[in-house]
Amino acid sequence: MRSAAILGLSAVALFPMAAHAASGSGQSTRYWDCCKPSCSWPGKAAVNRPVFACDASFNRISDAGVKSGCDGGSAYSCGDQTPWAVNSQLSYGFAATSLSGGSEASWCCACYALTFTSGPVAGKTMVVQSTSTGGDLGNNHFDINMPGGGVGLFDGCRPQFGGLPGATYGGVSSRDQCNSFPSALQPGCQWRFDWFNNADNPSFTFQQVQCPAELVSKSGCKRDDDSQFPVFTPPSGGNPQPSATSSQGYTAPTSSPGNPGSCTSQQWAQCGGSNFLGCKTCVSGSACKFINDYYSQCQ
């Protein structure tokens, strides 16, 4: 794409300035520190409203000025801003981000399609919304919100509900440890060992896309320029291939059908729950068992 500088001032006068869709390759880490998301503060970016924050019992709070629980306040991350599987090849979730050539004003509440290129999730796609930023993050760094992923530099989980098991960096080491989490956080922790296959900081390529409604409904936040980015098209079949992008849309690399009515979830995988759009039929020999409102599992 040619820049406005190359096109010249006359072109800028003729055509409206389009938002730049960030893309490239990046690195991932994981964390869940329970702190109020940094994009929950007002004035961070041109958005409809800041990202939802919650009280210690995971109830959304309306006052965006409440101090974070990591700083002696009473605002924390919401329990539904955790990852979930749409189907075997696609997940949605949230992340703290730091991208080359940008700032909080361009990152907060933006969405990105990550296509993993290493580890057991290679070829899978995850669409994340940026709900936090971090001074400790490198360039093109996505720190995926994942309960039990480690509390990192700050630990708001201790004042919120007494803390979480696991290492400060890296978090829990087994799926069984998720059972001791508050019920709202258990599905996101289990996701790590189910859909994410316990991948250890896999690399990926990424493309900025319009935010899926499912993510906006959980964060409450939508950028004013969201419509200027490519529309995300979920994987629908074929072999993983680098995808082409255009101003009209972004098609994720594909590897298997994503129709919930024609696929099955493997044993121990998610098969239901609030806003779950993935495979709801369990593989032969297992049945979909209700765990809580957020999560049902093939057992």
C-alpha atoms as a PDB file:
ATOM      1  CA  MET A   1       0.000   0.000   0.000  1.00  0.00           C
ATOM      2  CA  ARG A   2       1.384   3.438  -0.874  1.00  0.00           C
ATOM      3  CA  SER A   3       1.636   5.950   1.931  1.00  0.00           C
ATOM      4  CA  ALA A   4      -0.014   9.342   1.973  1.00  0.00           C
ATOM      5  CA  ALA A   5       3.447  10.917   1.783  1.00  0.00           C
ATOM      6  CA  ILE A   6       4.100   9.172  -1.538  1.00  0.00           C
ATOM      7  CA  LEU A   7       0.662  10.000  -2.914  1.00  0.00           C
ATOM      8  CA  GLY A   8       1.143  13.660  -2.059  1.00  0.00           C
ATOM      9  CA  LEU A   9      -1.017  16.310  -0.425  1.00  0.00           C
ATOM     10  CA  SER A  10      -3.491  16.420  -3.296  1.00  0.00           C
ATOM     11  CA  ALA A  11      -4.296  12.751  -2.760  1.00  0.00           C
ATOM     12  CA  VAL A  12      -4.832  13.349   0.942  1.00  0.00           C
ATOM     13  CA  ALA A  13      -7.348  16.030   0.074  1.00  0.00           C
ATOM     14  CA  LEU A  14      -9.190  13.731  -2.322  1.00  0.00           C
ATOM     15  CA  PHE A  15      -9.293  10.575  -0.183  1.00  0.00           C
ATOM     16  CA  PRO A  16     -10.037  10.223   3.551  1.00  0.00           C
ATOM     17  CA  MET A  17      -7.156   8.996   5.684  1.00  0.00           C
ATOM     18  CA  ALA A  18      -7.536   5.264   6.353  1.00  0.00           C
ATOM     19  CA  ALA A  19      -6.419   3.620   9.572  1.00  0.00           C
ATOM     20  CA  HIS A  20      -3.261   1.564   9.303  1.00  0.00           C
ATOM     21  CA  ALA A  21      -3.914  -2.155   9.876  1.00  0.00           C
ATOM     22  CA  ALA A  22      -0.951  -3.493  11.837  1.00  0.00           C
ATOM     23  CA  SER A  23       0.531  -6.812  10.733  1.00  0.00           C
ATOM     24  CA  GLY A  24       3.707  -8.834  11.029  1.00  0.00           C
ATOM     25  CA  SER A  25       5.158 -11.612  13.135  1.00  0.00           C
ATOM     26  CA  GLY A  26       5.261 -11.641  16.891  1.00  0.00           C
ATOM     27  CA  GLN A  27       5.952 -13.393  20.162  1.00  0.00           C
ATOM     28  CA  SER A  28       3.505 -14.551  22.803  1.00  0.00           C
ATOM     29  CA  THR A  29       3.575 -15.015  26.541  1.00  0.00           C
ATOM     30  CA  ARG A  30       0.753 -15.707  29.001  1.00  0.00           C
ATOM     31  CA  TYR A  31      -0.480 -14.088  32.203  1.00  0.00           C
ATOM     32  CA  TRP A  32      -3.401 -13.420  34.500  1.00  0.00           C
ATOM     33  CA  ASP A  33      -2.640 -10.853  37.201  1.00  0.00           C
ATOM     34  CA  CYS A  34      -6.262  -9.954  38.060  1.00  0.00           C
ATOM     35  CA  CYS A  35      -5.394  -6.234  37.771  1.00  0.00           C
ATOM     36  CA  LYS A  36      -7.775  -3.721  36.248  1.00  0.00           C
ATOM     37  CA  PRO A  37      -6.979  -3.694  32.490  1.00  0.00           C
ATOM     38  CA  SER A  38      -5.006  -0.610  31.512  1.00  0.00           C
ATOM     39  CA  CYS A  39      -7.505   0.104  28.709  1.00  0.00           C
ATOM     40  CA  SER A  40     -10.247   0.288  31.368  1.00  0.00           C
ATOM     41  CA  TRP A  41      -9.106   3.815  32.199  1.00  0.00           C
ATOM     42  CA  PRO A  42     -10.814   6.643  30.305  1.00  0.00           C
ATOM     43  CA  GLY A  43      -8.970   8.669  27.698  1.00  0.00           C
ATOM     44  CA  LYS A  44      -6.608   5.948  26.494  1.00  0.00           C
ATOM     45  CA  ALA A  45      -7.965   5.806  22.923  1.00  0.00           C
ATOM     46  CA  ALA A  46     -10.845   6.924  20.709  1.00  0.00           C
ATOM     47  CA  VAL A  47     -13.398   4.288  21.767  1.00  0.00           C
ATOM     48  CA  ASN A  48     -17.087   4.086  22.685  1.00  0.00           C
ATOM     49  CA  ARG A  49     -16.201   3.367  26.327  1.00  0.00           C
ATOM     50  CA  PRO A  50     -13.254   1.972  28.312  1.00  0.00           C
ATOM     51  CA  VAL A  51     -12.896  -1.786  28.772  1.00  0.00           C
ATOM     52  CA  PHE A  52     -15.149  -3.211  31.484  1.00  0.00           C
ATOM     53  CA  ALA A  53     -13.566  -3.749  34.894  1.00  0.00           C
ATOM     54  CA  CYS A  54     -15.138  -5.765  37.694  1.00  0.00           C
ATOM     55  CA  ASP A  55     -15.295  -5.878  41.469  1.00  0.00           C
ATOM     56  CA  ALA A  56     -13.786  -8.695  43.507  1.00  0.00           C
ATOM     57  CA  SER A  57     -16.848 -10.873  42.836  1.00  0.00           C
ATOM     58  CA  PHE A  58     -16.585 -10.406  39.035  1.00  0.00           C
ATOM     59  CA  ASN A  59     -19.502  -7.985  38.806  1.00  0.00           C
ATOM     60  CA  ARG A  60     -18.998  -5.218  36.258  1.00  0.00           C
ATOM     61  CA  ILE A  61     -18.510  -1.764  37.720  1.00  0.00           C
ATOM     62  CA  SER A  62     -19.762   1.374  36.016  1.00  0.00           C
ATOM     63  CA  ASP A  63     -17.194   3.867  37.318  1.00  0.00           C
ATOM     64  CA  ALA A  64     -14.129   3.776  35.046  1.00  0.00           C
ATOM     65  CA  GLY A  65     -12.196   5.845  37.588  1.00  0.00           C
ATOM     66  CA  VAL A  66     -12.083   3.187  40.338  1.00  0.00           C
ATOM     67  CA  LYS A  67      -8.498   2.388  41.335  1.00  0.00           C
ATOM     68  CA  SER A  68      -7.041  -0.999  40.422  1.00  0.00           C
ATOM     69  CA  GLY A  69      -6.879  -3.777  42.984  1.00  0.00           C
ATOM     70  CA  CYS A  70      -3.172  -3.962  42.177  1.00  0.00           C
ATOM     71  CA  ASP A  71      -2.840  -0.443  43.568  1.00  0.00           C
ATOM     72  CA  GLY A  72      -4.983  -0.740  46.675  1.00  0.00           C
ATOM     73  CA  GLY A  73      -8.308  -0.195  44.903  1.00  0.00           C
ATOM     74  CA  SER A  74     -11.321  -2.386  44.215  1.00  0.00           C
ATOM     75  CA  ALA A  75     -11.305  -2.813  40.390  1.00  0.00           C
ATOM     76  CA  TYR A  76     -10.115  -6.048  38.811  1.00  0.00           C
ATOM     77  CA  SER A  77     -10.174  -7.959  35.528  1.00  0.00           C
ATOM     78  CA  CYS A  78     -13.582  -9.411  34.649  1.00  0.00           C
ATOM     79  CA  GLY A  79     -13.956 -13.180  34.744  1.00  0.00           C
ATOM     80  CA  ASP A  80     -15.401 -13.379  31.234  1.00  0.00           C
ATOM     81  CA  GLN A  81     -12.411 -11.674  29.574  1.00  0.00           C
ATOM     82  CA  THR A  82     -10.695 -15.048  29.230  1.00  0.00           C
ATOM     83  CA  PRO A  83     -10.051 -17.240  26.170  1.00  0.00           C
ATOM     84  CA  TRP A  84     -12.543 -19.727  24.753  1.00  0.00           C
ATOM     85  CA  ALA A  85     -12.642 -22.116  21.808  1.00  0.00           C
ATOM     86  CA  VAL A  86     -14.973 -21.414  18.911  1.00  0.00           C
ATOM     87  CA  ASN A  87     -13.996 -24.695  17.284  1.00  0.00           C
ATOM     88  CA  SER A  88     -10.922 -26.907  17.051  1.00  0.00           C
ATOM     89  CA  GLN A  89      -9.031 -24.375  14.915  1.00  0.00           C
ATOM     90  CA  LEU A  90     -10.307 -21.005  16.189  1.00  0.00           C
ATOM     91  CA  SER A  91     -10.385 -19.307  19.574  1.00  0.00           C
ATOM     92  CA  TYR A  92     -11.235 -15.843  20.833  1.00  0.00           C
ATOM     93  CA  GLY A  93      -9.640 -14.043  23.759  1.00  0.00           C
ATOM     94  CA  PHE A  94      -7.863 -10.982  25.094  1.00  0.00           C
ATOM     95  CA  ALA A  95      -4.277  -9.831  25.479  1.00  0.00           C
ATOM     96  CA  ALA A  96      -1.923  -7.118  26.618  1.00  0.00           C
ATOM     97  CA  THR A  97      -0.073  -5.811  23.576  1.00  0.00           C
ATOM     98  CA  SER A  98       2.912  -3.792  22.477  1.00  0.00           C
ATOM     99  CA  LEU A  99       3.326  -3.319  18.720  1.00  0.00           C
ATOM    100  CA  SER A 100       6.079  -1.659  16.749  1.00  0.00           C
ATOM    101  CA  GLY A 101       5.260   1.882  15.670  1.00  0.00           C
ATOM    102  CA  GLY A 102       2.176   2.283  17.855  1.00  0.00           C
ATOM    103  CA  SER A 103       0.980   3.394  21.265  1.00  0.00           C
ATOM    104  CA  GLU A 104      -1.912   2.837  23.659  1.00  0.00           C
ATOM    105  CA  ALA A 105      -3.986   5.147  21.474  1.00  0.00           C
ATOM    106  CA  SER A 106      -3.679   2.697  18.557  1.00  0.00           C
ATOM    107  CA  TRP A 107      -3.633  -0.558  20.562  1.00  0.00           C
ATOM    108  CA  CYS A 108      -6.419  -0.202  23.140  1.00  0.00           C
ATOM    109  CA  CYS A 109      -9.497  -2.230  22.105  1.00  0.00           C
ATOM    110  CA  ALA A 110      -8.022  -3.136  18.699  1.00  0.00           C
ATOM    111  CA  CYS A 111      -8.388  -6.752  17.539  1.00  0.00           C
ATOM    112  CA  TYR A 112      -5.789  -8.966  15.894  1.00  0.00           C
ATOM    113  CA  ALA A 113      -5.961 -12.373  14.215  1.00  0.00           C
ATOM    114  CA  LEU A 114      -2.981 -14.428  15.386  1.00  0.00           C
ATOM    115  CA  THR A 115      -2.020 -17.463  13.313  1.00  0.00           C
ATOM    116  CA  PHE A 116       0.364 -19.608  15.333  1.00  0.00           C
ATOM    117  CA  THR A 117       3.505 -20.811  13.564  1.00  0.00           C
ATOM    118  CA  SER A 118       5.196 -22.963  16.205  1.00  0.00           C
ATOM    119  CA  GLY A 119       4.457 -25.552  18.861  1.00  0.00           C
ATOM    120  CA  PRO A 120       1.367 -27.777  19.158  1.00  0.00           C
ATOM    121  CA  VAL A 121      -0.951 -24.952  18.052  1.00  0.00           C
ATOM    122  CA  ALA A 122       0.834 -24.289  14.747  1.00  0.00           C
ATOM    123  CA  GLY A 123      -1.812 -23.546  12.099  1.00  0.00           C
ATOM    124  CA  LYS A 124      -4.494 -22.580  14.607  1.00  0.00           C
ATOM    125  CA  THR A 125      -5.935 -19.065  14.733  1.00  0.00           C
ATOM    126  CA  MET A 126      -6.816 -16.915  17.719  1.00  0.00           C
ATOM    127  CA  VAL A 127      -8.481 -13.507  17.504  1.00  0.00           C
ATOM    128  CA  VAL A 128      -7.600 -11.344  20.503  1.00  0.00           C
ATOM    129  CA  GLN A 129      -8.678  -7.899  21.609  1.00  0.00           C
ATOM    130  CA  SER A 130      -6.092  -5.675  23.256  1.00  0.00           C
ATOM    131  CA  THR A 131      -7.405  -4.750  26.701  1.00  0.00           C
ATOM    132  CA  SER A 132      -4.067  -3.833  28.281  1.00  0.00           C
ATOM    133  CA  THR A 133      -0.617  -2.586  27.359  1.00  0.00           C
ATOM    134  CA  GLY A 134       2.630  -3.040  29.232  1.00  0.00           C
ATOM    135  CA  GLY A 135       5.939  -1.275  29.590  1.00  0.00           C
ATOM    136  CA  ASP A 136       7.630  -4.640  30.143  1.00  0.00           C
ATOM    137  CA  LEU A 137       6.529  -5.984  26.749  1.00  0.00           C
ATOM    138  CA  GLY A 138       8.789  -6.123  23.688  1.00  0.00           C
ATOM    139  CA  ASN A 139       7.942  -5.193  20.105  1.00  0.00           C
ATOM    140  CA  ASN A 140       5.051  -7.135  18.521  1.00  0.00           C
ATOM    141  CA  HIS A 141       4.511  -8.844  21.854  1.00  0.00           C
ATOM    142  CA  PHE A 142       1.120 -10.292  22.823  1.00  0.00           C
ATOM    143  CA  ASP A 143       0.738 -11.336  26.471  1.00  0.00           C
ATOM    144  CA  ILE A 144      -2.357 -13.542  26.256  1.00  0.00           C
ATOM    145  CA  ASN A 145      -4.888 -13.268  29.109  1.00  0.00           C
ATOM    146  CA  MET A 146      -4.990 -16.804  30.473  1.00  0.00           C
ATOM    147  CA  PRO A 147      -6.030 -17.603  34.063  1.00  0.00           C
ATOM    148  CA  GLY A 148      -3.222 -19.567  35.664  1.00  0.00           C
ATOM    149  CA  GLY A 149      -0.707 -18.180  33.185  1.00  0.00           C
ATOM    150  CA  GLY A 150       1.268 -16.454  35.957  1.00  0.00           C
ATOM    151  CA  VAL A 151       0.678 -13.182  37.780  1.00  0.00           C
ATOM    152  CA  GLY A 152       3.866 -11.568  36.470  1.00  0.00           C
ATOM    153  CA  LEU A 153       5.043  -8.225  37.841  1.00  0.00           C
ATOM    154  CA  PHE A 154       1.836  -7.579  39.791  1.00  0.00           C
ATOM    155  CA  ASP A 155      -0.473  -9.843  41.771  1.00  0.00           C
ATOM    156  CA  GLY A 156      -3.987  -8.513  42.105  1.00  0.00           C
ATOM    157  CA  CYS A 157      -5.314 -12.044  42.595  1.00  0.00           C
ATOM    158  CA  ARG A 158      -4.162 -12.138  46.209  1.00  0.00           C
ATOM    159  CA  PRO A 159      -6.215  -9.142  47.373  1.00  0.00           C
ATOM    160  CA  GLN A 160      -9.115 -10.181  45.101  1.00  0.00           C
ATOM    161  CA  PHE A 161      -9.637 -13.737  46.346  1.00  0.00           C
ATOM    162  CA  GLY A 162      -6.529 -14.942  48.156  1.00  0.00           C
ATOM    163  CA  GLY A 163      -4.296 -15.721  45.192  1.00  0.00           C
ATOM    164  CA  LEU A 164      -3.764 -18.375  42.520  1.00  0.00           C
ATOM    165  CA  PRO A 165      -1.501 -21.432  42.470  1.00  0.00           C
ATOM    166  CA  GLY A 166       1.469 -21.681  40.132  1.00  0.00           C
ATOM    167  CA  ALA A 167       4.715 -19.906  39.360  1.00  0.00           C
ATOM    168  CA  THR A 168       4.891 -16.115  39.132  1.00  0.00           C
ATOM    169  CA  TYR A 169       5.904 -16.491  35.481  1.00  0.00           C
ATOM    170  CA  GLY A 170       4.345 -19.427  33.624  1.00  0.00           C
ATOM    171  CA  GLY A 171       1.619 -20.169  36.134  1.00  0.00           C
ATOM    172  CA  VAL A 172       0.157 -23.612  36.769  1.00  0.00           C
ATOM    173  CA  SER A 173       1.706 -26.785  35.397  1.00  0.00           C
ATOM    174  CA  SER A 174      -1.301 -29.109  35.160  1.00  0.00           C
ATOM    175  CA  ARG A 175      -4.962 -28.956  34.198  1.00  0.00           C
ATOM    176  CA  ASP A 176      -6.011 -30.314  37.604  1.00  0.00           C
ATOM    177  CA  GLN A 177      -4.769 -27.136  39.254  1.00  0.00           C
ATOM    178  CA  CYS A 178      -7.500 -25.202  37.428  1.00  0.00           C
ATOM    179  CA  ASN A 179     -10.092 -26.879  39.647  1.00  0.00           C
ATOM    180  CA  SER A 180      -9.018 -24.732  42.601  1.00  0.00           C
ATOM    181  CA  PHE A 181      -9.714 -21.475  40.726  1.00  0.00           C
ATOM    182  CA  PRO A 182     -12.863 -19.359  41.154  1.00  0.00           C
ATOM    183  CA  SER A 183     -15.521 -20.886  38.895  1.00  0.00           C
ATOM    184  CA  ALA A 184     -15.494 -17.930  36.494  1.00  0.00           C
ATOM    185  CA  LEU A 185     -11.782 -18.480  35.775  1.00  0.00           C
ATOM    186  CA  GLN A 186     -11.748 -22.274  35.484  1.00  0.00           C
ATOM    187  CA  PRO A 187     -12.806 -22.441  31.783  1.00  0.00           C
ATOM    188  CA  GLY A 188     -10.039 -20.053  30.711  1.00  0.00           C
ATOM    189  CA  CYS A 189      -7.455 -22.040  32.653  1.00  0.00           C
ATOM    190  CA  GLN A 190      -8.685 -25.349  31.216  1.00  0.00           C
ATOM    191  CA  TRP A 191      -8.623 -23.842  27.704  1.00  0.00           C
ATOM    192  CA  ARG A 192      -4.841 -23.659  28.000  1.00  0.00           C
ATOM    193  CA  PHE A 193      -4.587 -27.433  28.307  1.00  0.00           C
ATOM    194  CA  ASP A 194      -7.424 -28.253  25.882  1.00  0.00           C
ATOM    195  CA  TRP A 195      -7.483 -26.030  22.774  1.00  0.00           C
ATOM    196  CA  PHE A 196      -4.084 -24.375  23.375  1.00  0.00           C
ATOM    197  CA  ASN A 197      -2.454 -27.774  24.012  1.00  0.00           C
ATOM    198  CA  ASN A 198      -0.337 -26.243  26.794  1.00  0.00           C
ATOM    199  CA  ALA A 199       1.782 -24.499  24.157  1.00  0.00           C
ATOM    200  CA  ASP A 200       4.751 -22.640  25.627  1.00  0.00           C
ATOM    201  CA  ASN A 201       4.836 -19.096  24.228  1.00  0.00           C
ATOM    202  CA  PRO A 202       4.327 -19.991  20.531  1.00  0.00           C
ATOM    203  CA  SER A 203       5.231 -17.556  17.762  1.00  0.00           C
ATOM    204  CA  PHE A 204       2.684 -16.306  15.239  1.00  0.00           C
ATOM    205  CA  THR A 205       1.903 -13.970  12.394  1.00  0.00           C
ATOM    206  CA  PHE A 206      -0.782 -11.356  13.012  1.00  0.00           C
ATOM    207  CA  GLN A 207      -3.133  -9.057  11.141  1.00  0.00           C
ATOM    208  CA  GLN A 208      -5.307  -6.329  12.619  1.00  0.00           C
ATOM    209  CA  VAL A 209      -8.998  -6.983  11.954  1.00  0.00           C
ATOM    210  CA  GLN A 210     -12.417  -5.676  12.889  1.00  0.00           C
ATOM    211  CA  CYS A 211     -13.397  -6.877  16.341  1.00  0.00           C
ATOM    212  CA  PRO A 212     -15.849  -9.800  16.420  1.00  0.00           C
ATOM    213  CA  ALA A 213     -19.055  -8.924  18.265  1.00  0.00           C
ATOM    214  CA  GLU A 214     -18.368 -11.752  20.726  1.00  0.00           C
ATOM    215  CA  LEU A 215     -15.248  -9.976  21.992  1.00  0.00           C
ATOM    216  CA  VAL A 216     -16.857  -6.539  22.129  1.00  0.00           C
ATOM    217  CA  SER A 217     -19.768  -7.940  24.151  1.00  0.00           C
ATOM    218  CA  LYS A 218     -17.338  -9.063  26.867  1.00  0.00           C
ATOM    219  CA  SER A 219     -15.050  -6.028  26.910  1.00  0.00           C
ATOM    220  CA  GLY A 220     -17.718  -3.409  26.184  1.00  0.00           C
ATOM    221  CA  CYS A 221     -15.116  -1.518  24.159  1.00  0.00           C
ATOM    222  CA  LYS A 222     -15.071  -0.772  20.433  1.00  0.00           C
ATOM    223  CA  ARG A 223     -12.708   1.559  18.628  1.00  0.00           C
ATOM    224  CA  ASP A 224     -14.146   4.473  16.673  1.00  0.00           C
ATOM    225  CA  ASP A 225     -12.017   3.415  13.669  1.00  0.00           C
ATOM    226  CA  ASP A 226     -12.848  -0.308  13.917  1.00  0.00           C
ATOM    227  CA  SER A 227     -14.804  -0.357  10.634  1.00  0.00           C
ATOM    228  CA  GLN A 228     -11.711   0.745   8.713  1.00  0.00           C
ATOM    229  CA  PHE A 229      -9.936  -2.566   9.341  1.00  0.00           C
ATOM    230  CA  PRO A 230     -10.357  -5.858   7.412  1.00  0.00           C
ATOM    231  CA  VAL A 231     -13.307  -8.070   8.317  1.00  0.00           C
ATOM    232  CA  PHE A 232     -12.196 -11.349   9.887  1.00  0.00           C
ATOM    233  CA  THR A 233     -13.363 -14.513   8.122  1.00  0.00           C
ATOM    234  CA  PRO A 234     -13.063 -17.683  10.264  1.00  0.00           C
ATOM    235  CA  PRO A 235     -11.190 -20.746   8.946  1.00  0.00           C
ATOM    236  CA  SER A 236     -13.402 -23.000   6.832  1.00  0.00           C
ATOM    237  CA  GLY A 237     -11.187 -25.817   5.525  1.00  0.00           C
ATOM    238  CA  GLY A 238      -8.021 -26.725   3.629  1.00  0.00           C
ATOM    239  CA  ASN A 239      -4.353 -26.700   4.575  1.00  0.00           C
ATOM    240  CA  PRO A 240      -2.756 -23.910   6.586  1.00  0.00           C
ATOM    241  CA  GLN A 241      -1.428 -21.272   4.187  1.00  0.00           C
ATOM    242  CA  PRO A 242      -0.352 -17.657   4.589  1.00  0.00           C
ATOM    243  CA  SER A 243      -3.413 -15.564   3.849  1.00  0.00           C
ATOM    244  CA  ALA A 244      -3.881 -12.607   1.558  1.00  0.00           C
ATOM    245  CA  THR A 245      -5.282  -9.414   2.994  1.00  0.00           C
ATOM    246  CA  SER A 246      -7.153  -6.513   1.524  1.00  0.00           C
ATOM    247  CA  SER A 247      -9.210  -3.547   2.636  1.00  0.00           C
ATOM    248  CA  GLN A 248     -12.313  -5.720   2.207  1.00  0.00           C
ATOM    249  CA  GLY A 249     -11.385  -8.528   4.549  1.00  0.00           C
ATOM    250  CA  TYR A 250      -8.959 -10.937   6.155  1.00  0.00           C
ATOM    251  CA  THR A 251      -9.312 -14.697   5.722  1.00  0.00           C
ATOM    252  CA  ALA A 252      -7.537 -16.786   8.296  1.00  0.00           C
ATOM    253  CA  PRO A 253      -5.374 -19.740   7.202  1.00  0.00           C
ATOM    254  CA  THR A 254      -7.575 -22.812   7.212  1.00  0.00           C
ATOM    255  CA  SER A 255      -7.112 -26.365   8.376  1.00  0.00           C
ATOM    256  CA  SER A 256     -10.468 -27.946   9.225  1.00  0.00           C
ATOM    257  CA  PRO A 257     -14.200 -27.252   9.057  1.00  0.00           C
ATOM    258  CA  GLY A 258     -15.565 -24.947  11.728  1.00  0.00           C
ATOM    259  CA  ASN A 259     -19.278 -25.738  11.518  1.00  0.00           C
ATOM    260  CA  PRO A 260     -20.435 -26.700  15.031  1.00  0.00           C
ATOM    261  CA  GLY A 261     -23.142 -28.890  13.543  1.00  0.00           C
ATOM    262  CA  SER A 262     -20.731 -31.093  11.610  1.00  0.00           C
ATOM    263  CA  CYS A 263     -17.820 -31.521  14.009  1.00  0.00           C
ATOM    264  CA  THR A 264     -17.065 -33.229  17.290  1.00  0.00           C
ATOM    265  CA  SER A 265     -15.107 -32.201  20.356  1.00  0.00           C
ATOM    266  CA  GLN A 266     -12.497 -34.565  21.737  1.00  0.00           C
ATOM    267  CA  GLN A 267     -12.607 -35.897  25.289  1.00  0.00           C
ATOM    268  CA  TRP A 268     -11.852 -33.174  27.881  1.00  0.00           C
ATOM    269  CA  ALA A 269     -12.461 -30.405  25.324  1.00  0.00           C
ATOM    270  CA  GLN A 270     -15.089 -27.679  25.711  1.00  0.00           C
ATOM    271  CA  CYS A 271     -18.517 -28.452  24.250  1.00  0.00           C
ATOM    272  CA  GLY A 272     -20.730 -25.690  25.627  1.00  0.00           C
ATOM    273  CA  GLY A 273     -21.020 -22.589  27.781  1.00  0.00           C
ATOM    274  CA  SER A 274     -21.890 -18.910  27.569  1.00  0.00           C
ATOM    275  CA  ASN A 275     -21.214 -17.595  24.013  1.00  0.00           C
ATOM    276  CA  PHE A 276     -19.553 -20.878  22.994  1.00  0.00           C
ATOM    277  CA  LEU A 277     -19.909 -21.360  19.216  1.00  0.00           C
ATOM    278  CA  GLY A 278     -17.753 -24.438  18.705  1.00  0.00           C
ATOM    279  CA  CYS A 279     -18.362 -28.169  18.391  1.00  0.00           C
ATOM    280  CA  LYS A 280     -21.155 -29.191  20.746  1.00  0.00           C
ATOM    281  CA  THR A 281     -21.180 -32.917  19.950  1.00  0.00           C
ATOM    282  CA  CYS A 282     -18.668 -35.021  21.859  1.00  0.00           C
ATOM    283  CA  VAL A 283     -16.566 -37.794  20.365  1.00  0.00           C
ATOM    284  CA  SER A 284     -17.997 -41.296  20.734  1.00  0.00           C
ATOM    285  CA  GLY A 285     -17.595 -42.608  24.258  1.00  0.00           C
ATOM    286  CA  SER A 286     -17.961 -39.248  25.994  1.00  0.00           C
ATOM    287  CA  ALA A 287     -20.818 -36.869  26.750  1.00  0.00           C
ATOM    288  CA  CYS A 288     -21.089 -33.106  27.173  1.00  0.00           C
ATOM    289  CA  LYS A 289     -21.166 -32.431  30.933  1.00  0.00           C
ATOM    290  CA  PHE A 290     -22.273 -29.090  32.388  1.00  0.00           C
ATOM    291  CA  ILE A 291     -19.560 -27.619  34.647  1.00  0.00           C
ATOM    292  CA  ASN A 292     -20.821 -24.061  35.083  1.00  0.00           C
ATOM    293  CA  ASP A 293     -22.546 -21.345  33.064  1.00  0.00           C
ATOM    294  CA  TYR A 294     -19.291 -20.590  31.260  1.00  0.00           C
ATOM    295  CA  TYR A 295     -18.120 -24.114  30.490  1.00  0.00           C
ATOM    296  CA  SER A 296     -19.322 -27.609  29.574  1.00  0.00           C
ATOM    297  CA  GLN A 297     -16.844 -30.381  28.840  1.00  0.00           C
ATOM    298  CA  CYS A 298     -16.685 -33.723  27.019  1.00  0.00           C
ATOM    299  CA  GLN A 299     -16.206 -36.397  29.665  1.00  0.00           C
END
